[in-house]
Amino acid sequence: MRVPSLIRRLVWADWLILIVLLGAVSYILLRLEGTLNYAWRWELIPDYIIRYREDRQEWFANLLLQGLFATLRICIYSGIFAAVFGVILGVARCAENLTIRLLARTYLEVLRNIPPVVIIFIFFFFLSQQLIDALDMNAWARGIARSDNAPIWEFFFGDMRRFPSLVSGVLVLGLFQAAFVGEIVRAGIQSIPKGQIEAARAIGMSRFQEMRYVVMPQALRKVVPPMANQFISLIKDSSIISLISVQELTYKTVELVASTRLIFEAWLTTAAFYFILCFGLSLLFRRLE
C-alpha cells in the first residue's frame, strides 16, 4: 500500500490519535531532559554507525552497523536451522511411534517451560562450547582469517576470528526457537481433516507419501502466518545471546554505552534498528501470506 493512499484513508479520529501520541512523546522527552539534566549528543551517533577513515580513504562500518550485520547473519542462519529442526520436531510429535512422540514432546515441553535466559546458558556451556572445543573451531577460524579467501568467508560470516562466537549464537538461538516452530508445525499437521489422511491410506499411500503429498503441502500453507511471527520474535530474542558474549547489535550497544556514555542515544538508535528490521519483515510476510 502506497503511503499517500494510506494518508488519504485517515479520518479525523486517526489524526487526533496521532497528535495525542506526538504530544505525549514530546512531553516525556521534555520531562526527561528537565529531570535528568541529560546533555543529548545525537551528532556523535552517525560516526558509530558508519565512519570515514582518513588513512585508508574509505568508509567502514562502525560498532552499531557491525552489530546490525552480525544480528542479521545470526537470525538468518538460526532461522534456517530452527525451521528445519522445528519441522522435524513437529512431524515427530505426530509420529505413530510412541517413543518418537515422547522424545519430541519432552524436548518441546522442557524448552517452552524454562526461561530463555536459563536455556541460553545451558545450551552454551553444555553443548555449543563443547562442540566448538571438540572441533578445534578456534584454530580453524584463525587459519581462515589469515588465508587469501578471507574476504569471501567474511561476507557470509563476518570477522572469522569471531566465527566460533557466531556458531554459538546460531546453535543456541536455533535450538531454542526450534521448540516453538515444532509446536506450530504440529498444530498445522493436526489441523488437516482426518478424512484426507484416511483417503490417502485407502489408495495405498505409505506414511511418507501421505505426509509428502497430502498433509505437509496443506499444513505448511496454514503455518506461514505463525511462522512469520516466530521469525520476527527470533530477531527480538537474538538480543539475549549478548549474555554469552556473542557480538551482535545489543552487545555492541553495551560496548558503545560503556565507552562513550551515550546512554539514551545509543539505546534509542538500537531500538530503531530493531524496529526497522521487525516492521520491514512484518510487511514482507504480510505480502507473502
Protein backbone atom coordinates (compact mmCIF):
# COMPACT_ATOMS: atom_id res chain seq x y z
CA MET A 1 0.00 0.00 0.00
CA ARG A 2 1.38 3.40 -1.01
CA VAL A 3 1.89 6.00 1.69
CA PRO A 4 -0.21 8.77 0.01
CA SER A 5 -3.21 6.44 -0.30
CA LEU A 6 -2.78 5.46 3.35
CA ILE A 7 -2.79 9.13 4.35
CA ARG A 8 -5.97 9.76 2.36
CA ARG A 9 -7.70 6.95 4.26
CA LEU A 10 -7.03 8.54 7.65
CA VAL A 11 -10.08 10.12 9.25
CA TRP A 12 -10.22 12.91 11.84
CA ALA A 13 -10.08 10.39 14.72
CA ASP A 14 -6.82 8.94 13.36
CA TRP A 15 -5.26 12.39 13.15
CA LEU A 16 -6.42 13.15 16.69
CA ILE A 17 -4.77 9.97 17.99
CA LEU A 18 -1.53 10.82 16.15
CA ILE A 19 -1.49 14.32 17.61
CA VAL A 20 -2.09 12.98 21.13
CA LEU A 21 0.72 10.42 20.72
CA LEU A 22 3.16 13.03 19.42
CA GLY A 23 2.21 15.33 22.28
CA ALA A 24 2.73 12.55 24.84
CA VAL A 25 6.16 11.65 23.38
CA SER A 26 7.20 15.33 23.32
CA TYR A 27 6.08 15.77 26.92
CA ILE A 28 8.02 12.71 28.08
CA LEU A 29 11.18 13.88 26.28
CA LEU A 30 10.91 17.36 27.79
CA ARG A 31 10.40 15.90 31.26
CA LEU A 32 13.39 13.61 30.83
CA GLU A 33 15.58 16.48 29.71
CA GLY A 34 14.49 18.64 32.65
CA THR A 35 14.60 15.89 35.30
CA LEU A 36 17.76 14.06 34.29
CA ASN A 37 19.63 17.15 33.12
CA TYR A 38 20.94 15.00 30.29
CA ALA A 39 23.04 16.56 27.53
CA TRP A 40 21.92 14.99 24.26
CA ARG A 41 24.74 14.31 21.77
CA TRP A 42 22.99 12.92 18.74
CA GLU A 43 25.64 14.36 16.43
CA LEU A 44 28.07 11.65 17.60
CA ILE A 45 25.84 8.69 16.74
CA PRO A 46 26.36 8.70 12.91
CA ASP A 47 30.11 8.14 13.43
CA TYR A 48 29.34 4.95 15.37
CA ILE A 49 27.14 3.68 12.54
CA ILE A 50 29.41 4.36 9.57
CA ARG A 51 32.67 6.26 9.62
CA TYR A 52 35.24 7.56 7.15
CA ARG A 53 38.87 6.52 7.63
CA GLU A 54 41.25 9.25 6.57
CA ASP A 55 44.28 6.94 6.48
CA ARG A 56 42.66 4.48 4.04
CA GLN A 57 40.37 7.00 2.30
CA GLU A 58 37.33 4.72 2.71
CA TRP A 59 34.11 4.30 4.63
CA PHE A 60 33.79 1.45 7.12
CA ALA A 61 31.02 0.04 9.29
CA ASN A 62 31.44 1.09 12.90
CA LEU A 63 30.14 -0.56 16.10
CA LEU A 64 26.38 -0.27 15.59
CA LEU A 65 26.43 -1.28 11.92
CA GLN A 66 28.79 -4.17 12.70
CA GLY A 67 26.35 -5.34 15.36
CA LEU A 68 23.41 -4.98 12.95
CA PHE A 69 25.16 -7.12 10.31
CA ALA A 70 26.03 -9.74 12.95
CA THR A 71 22.41 -9.82 14.11
CA LEU A 72 21.22 -10.31 10.53
CA ARG A 73 23.64 -13.20 9.95
CA ILE A 74 22.74 -14.89 13.22
CA CYS A 75 19.00 -14.52 12.60
CA ILE A 76 19.19 -15.84 9.03
CA TYR A 77 21.28 -18.90 9.90
CA SER A 78 19.49 -19.69 13.16
CA GLY A 79 16.13 -19.15 11.43
CA ILE A 80 17.02 -21.72 8.76
CA PHE A 81 18.27 -24.14 11.41
CA ALA A 82 15.18 -23.63 13.58
CA ALA A 83 12.86 -24.10 10.60
CA VAL A 84 14.48 -27.40 9.55
CA PHE A 85 14.80 -28.80 13.07
CA GLY A 86 11.36 -27.49 14.04
CA VAL A 87 9.69 -29.24 11.10
CA ILE A 88 11.40 -32.48 12.15
CA LEU A 89 10.16 -31.99 15.71
CA GLY A 90 6.65 -31.17 14.52
CA VAL A 91 6.48 -34.29 12.36
CA ALA A 92 7.92 -36.35 15.22
CA ARG A 93 5.18 -35.04 17.52
CA CYS A 94 2.63 -36.60 15.16
CA ALA A 95 4.53 -39.86 14.57
CA GLU A 96 2.84 -43.21 15.10
CA ASN A 97 5.79 -44.49 17.14
CA LEU A 98 5.20 -43.70 20.83
CA THR A 99 8.92 -43.37 21.68
CA ILE A 100 9.50 -40.78 18.95
CA ARG A 101 6.43 -38.81 20.06
CA LEU A 102 7.54 -38.81 23.70
CA LEU A 103 11.10 -37.72 22.86
CA ALA A 104 9.87 -34.85 20.70
CA ARG A 105 7.30 -33.78 23.28
CA THR A 106 9.86 -33.87 26.08
CA TYR A 107 12.18 -31.56 24.14
CA LEU A 108 9.36 -29.16 23.30
CA GLU A 109 7.84 -29.05 26.78
CA VAL A 110 11.19 -28.56 28.52
CA LEU A 111 12.22 -25.65 26.31
CA ARG A 112 8.82 -23.98 26.34
CA ASN A 113 8.58 -24.03 30.15
CA ILE A 114 12.05 -22.85 31.18
CA PRO A 115 13.06 -19.15 30.99
CA PRO A 116 15.01 -18.42 27.80
CA VAL A 117 17.98 -16.94 29.67
CA VAL A 118 18.47 -20.22 31.54
CA ILE A 119 18.13 -22.22 28.31
CA ILE A 120 20.70 -19.97 26.61
CA PHE A 121 23.32 -20.63 29.29
CA ILE A 122 22.60 -24.39 29.40
CA PHE A 123 22.93 -24.76 25.63
CA PHE A 124 26.04 -22.60 25.53
CA PHE A 125 28.05 -24.31 28.28
CA PHE A 126 26.87 -27.89 27.78
CA LEU A 127 26.51 -28.08 24.01
CA SER A 128 27.75 -25.18 21.93
CA GLN A 129 31.04 -24.56 23.74
CA GLN A 130 31.78 -28.28 23.97
CA LEU A 131 31.21 -28.70 20.23
CA ILE A 132 33.47 -25.76 19.38
CA ASP A 133 36.26 -27.11 21.56
CA ALA A 134 35.88 -30.66 20.22
CA LEU A 135 36.16 -29.48 16.59
CA ASP A 136 39.01 -27.06 17.42
CA MET A 137 37.00 -24.40 15.65
CA ASN A 138 39.03 -21.51 17.06
CA ALA A 139 42.24 -22.66 15.34
CA TRP A 140 40.38 -23.35 12.09
CA ALA A 141 38.75 -19.90 12.10
CA ARG A 142 42.09 -18.16 12.75
CA GLY A 143 43.60 -20.04 9.82
CA ILE A 144 40.77 -18.90 7.55
CA ALA A 145 41.22 -15.29 8.74
CA ARG A 146 44.87 -15.38 7.57
CA SER A 147 44.13 -17.03 4.22
CA ASP A 148 43.62 -15.39 0.82
CA ASN A 149 39.95 -16.41 0.79
CA ALA A 150 39.19 -14.47 3.97
CA PRO A 151 37.05 -11.76 2.24
CA ILE A 152 34.66 -14.38 0.85
CA TRP A 153 34.23 -16.03 4.26
CA GLU A 154 33.82 -12.63 5.95
CA PHE A 155 30.99 -11.72 3.58
CA PHE A 156 28.93 -14.67 4.84
CA PHE A 157 30.17 -14.97 8.43
CA GLY A 158 31.74 -11.62 9.37
CA ASP A 159 35.10 -11.43 11.16
CA MET A 160 36.39 -15.03 11.06
CA ARG A 161 38.19 -14.51 14.36
CA ARG A 162 34.68 -14.28 15.84
CA PHE A 163 33.38 -17.31 13.91
CA PRO A 164 33.09 -19.59 17.00
CA SER A 165 31.01 -16.88 18.67
CA LEU A 166 28.72 -16.79 15.61
CA VAL A 167 28.34 -20.58 15.69
CA SER A 168 27.47 -20.43 19.39
CA GLY A 169 24.78 -17.84 18.77
CA VAL A 170 23.28 -19.72 15.83
CA LEU A 171 23.18 -23.06 17.68
CA VAL A 172 21.80 -21.66 20.92
CA LEU A 173 19.15 -19.48 19.27
CA GLY A 174 18.22 -22.11 16.68
CA LEU A 175 17.75 -24.91 19.22
CA PHE A 176 15.64 -22.65 21.41
CA GLN A 177 13.42 -21.36 18.60
CA ALA A 178 13.02 -24.84 17.09
CA ALA A 179 10.82 -25.81 20.05
CA PHE A 180 8.26 -23.14 19.15
CA VAL A 181 8.49 -23.89 15.42
CA GLY A 182 7.86 -27.56 16.22
CA GLU A 183 4.63 -26.74 18.02
CA ILE A 184 3.50 -24.54 15.14
CA VAL A 185 4.16 -27.34 12.63
CA ARG A 186 2.45 -29.89 14.89
CA ALA A 187 -0.66 -27.71 15.06
CA GLY A 188 -0.64 -27.32 11.28
CA ILE A 189 -0.39 -31.07 10.73
CA GLN A 190 -3.16 -31.87 13.18
CA SER A 191 -5.45 -29.27 11.55
CA ILE A 192 -5.70 -31.39 8.39
CA PRO A 193 -9.03 -33.30 8.35
CA LYS A 194 -8.65 -36.99 9.16
CA GLY A 195 -10.75 -37.87 6.15
CA GLN A 196 -7.93 -36.79 3.83
CA ILE A 197 -5.43 -38.96 5.70
CA GLU A 198 -7.77 -41.94 5.58
CA ALA A 199 -8.31 -41.38 1.86
CA ALA A 200 -4.55 -41.33 1.27
CA ARG A 201 -4.18 -44.62 3.11
CA ALA A 202 -7.15 -46.10 1.25
CA ILE A 203 -5.43 -45.61 -2.11
CA GLY A 204 -2.29 -47.33 -0.84
CA MET A 205 -0.05 -44.41 0.11
CA SER A 206 2.73 -45.07 2.60
CA ARG A 207 3.16 -42.91 5.70
CA PHE A 208 5.92 -40.93 3.95
CA GLN A 209 3.82 -40.40 0.81
CA GLU A 210 0.86 -39.36 2.93
CA MET A 211 2.93 -36.68 4.67
CA ARG A 212 4.73 -35.64 1.48
CA TYR A 213 1.79 -35.30 -0.91
CA VAL A 214 -1.29 -34.75 1.27
CA VAL A 215 -0.55 -33.42 4.75
CA MET A 216 2.55 -31.21 4.53
CA PRO A 217 1.56 -29.12 1.46
CA GLN A 218 -1.66 -28.08 3.22
CA ALA A 219 -0.11 -27.77 6.68
CA LEU A 220 2.74 -25.54 5.53
CA ARG A 221 0.30 -23.06 3.97
CA LYS A 222 -1.54 -22.83 7.30
CA VAL A 223 1.60 -22.33 9.37
CA VAL A 224 3.03 -19.46 7.29
CA PRO A 225 1.46 -16.66 9.43
CA PRO A 226 2.58 -18.03 12.84
CA MET A 227 5.99 -18.96 11.39
CA ALA A 228 6.39 -15.37 10.20
CA ASN A 229 5.59 -14.09 13.68
CA GLN A 230 8.06 -16.56 15.16
CA PHE A 231 10.84 -15.35 12.88
CA ILE A 232 10.15 -11.76 13.95
CA SER A 233 10.31 -12.95 17.57
CA LEU A 234 13.62 -14.61 16.76
CA ILE A 235 15.08 -11.23 15.79
CA LYS A 236 13.98 -9.71 19.09
CA ASP A 237 15.13 -12.75 21.08
CA SER A 238 18.57 -12.57 19.44
CA SER A 239 19.44 -9.80 21.91
CA ILE A 240 19.51 -12.44 24.69
CA ILE A 241 22.63 -14.11 23.27
CA SER A 242 24.62 -10.99 24.10
CA LEU A 243 24.75 -12.55 27.59
CA ILE A 244 27.11 -15.23 26.23
CA SER A 245 29.34 -12.58 24.58
CA VAL A 246 28.02 -13.03 21.05
CA GLN A 247 28.86 -9.68 19.47
CA GLU A 248 25.53 -8.80 17.90
CA LEU A 249 23.70 -5.46 17.99
CA THR A 250 22.84 -5.42 21.70
CA TYR A 251 26.38 -6.43 22.70
CA LYS A 252 27.87 -3.69 20.51
CA THR A 253 25.47 -1.16 22.01
CA VAL A 254 26.62 -2.08 25.52
CA GLU A 255 30.22 -1.55 24.37
CA LEU A 256 29.31 1.84 22.89
CA VAL A 257 27.50 2.99 26.05
CA ALA A 258 30.40 1.86 28.26
CA SER A 259 32.99 3.75 26.20
CA THR A 260 31.10 6.95 25.34
CA ARG A 261 28.27 7.27 27.93
CA LEU A 262 25.82 7.95 25.06
CA ILE A 263 23.17 6.07 27.01
CA PHE A 264 19.89 7.30 25.56
CA GLU A 265 21.22 8.00 22.07
CA ALA A 266 22.76 4.54 21.67
CA TRP A 267 19.79 2.59 23.00
CA LEU A 268 17.22 4.61 21.07
CA THR A 269 19.24 4.07 17.88
CA THR A 270 19.41 0.34 18.60
CA ALA A 271 15.67 0.26 19.24
CA ALA A 272 15.14 1.98 15.88
CA PHE A 273 17.28 -0.66 14.13
CA TYR A 274 15.29 -3.50 15.69
CA PHE A 275 12.01 -1.76 14.80
CA ILE A 276 13.04 -1.29 11.16
CA LEU A 277 14.03 -4.96 10.89
CA CYS A 278 10.89 -6.32 12.53
CA PHE A 279 8.45 -3.92 10.87
CA GLY A 280 10.04 -4.49 7.46
CA LEU A 281 9.74 -8.24 7.89
CA SER A 282 6.12 -7.95 9.03
CA LEU A 283 5.30 -6.09 5.79
CA LEU A 284 7.19 -8.69 3.75
CA PHE A 285 5.44 -11.63 5.41
CA ARG A 286 2.06 -9.92 5.07
CA ARG A 287 2.59 -9.81 1.30
CA LEU A 288 3.79 -13.42 1.35
CA GLU A 289 0.64 -14.51 3.18
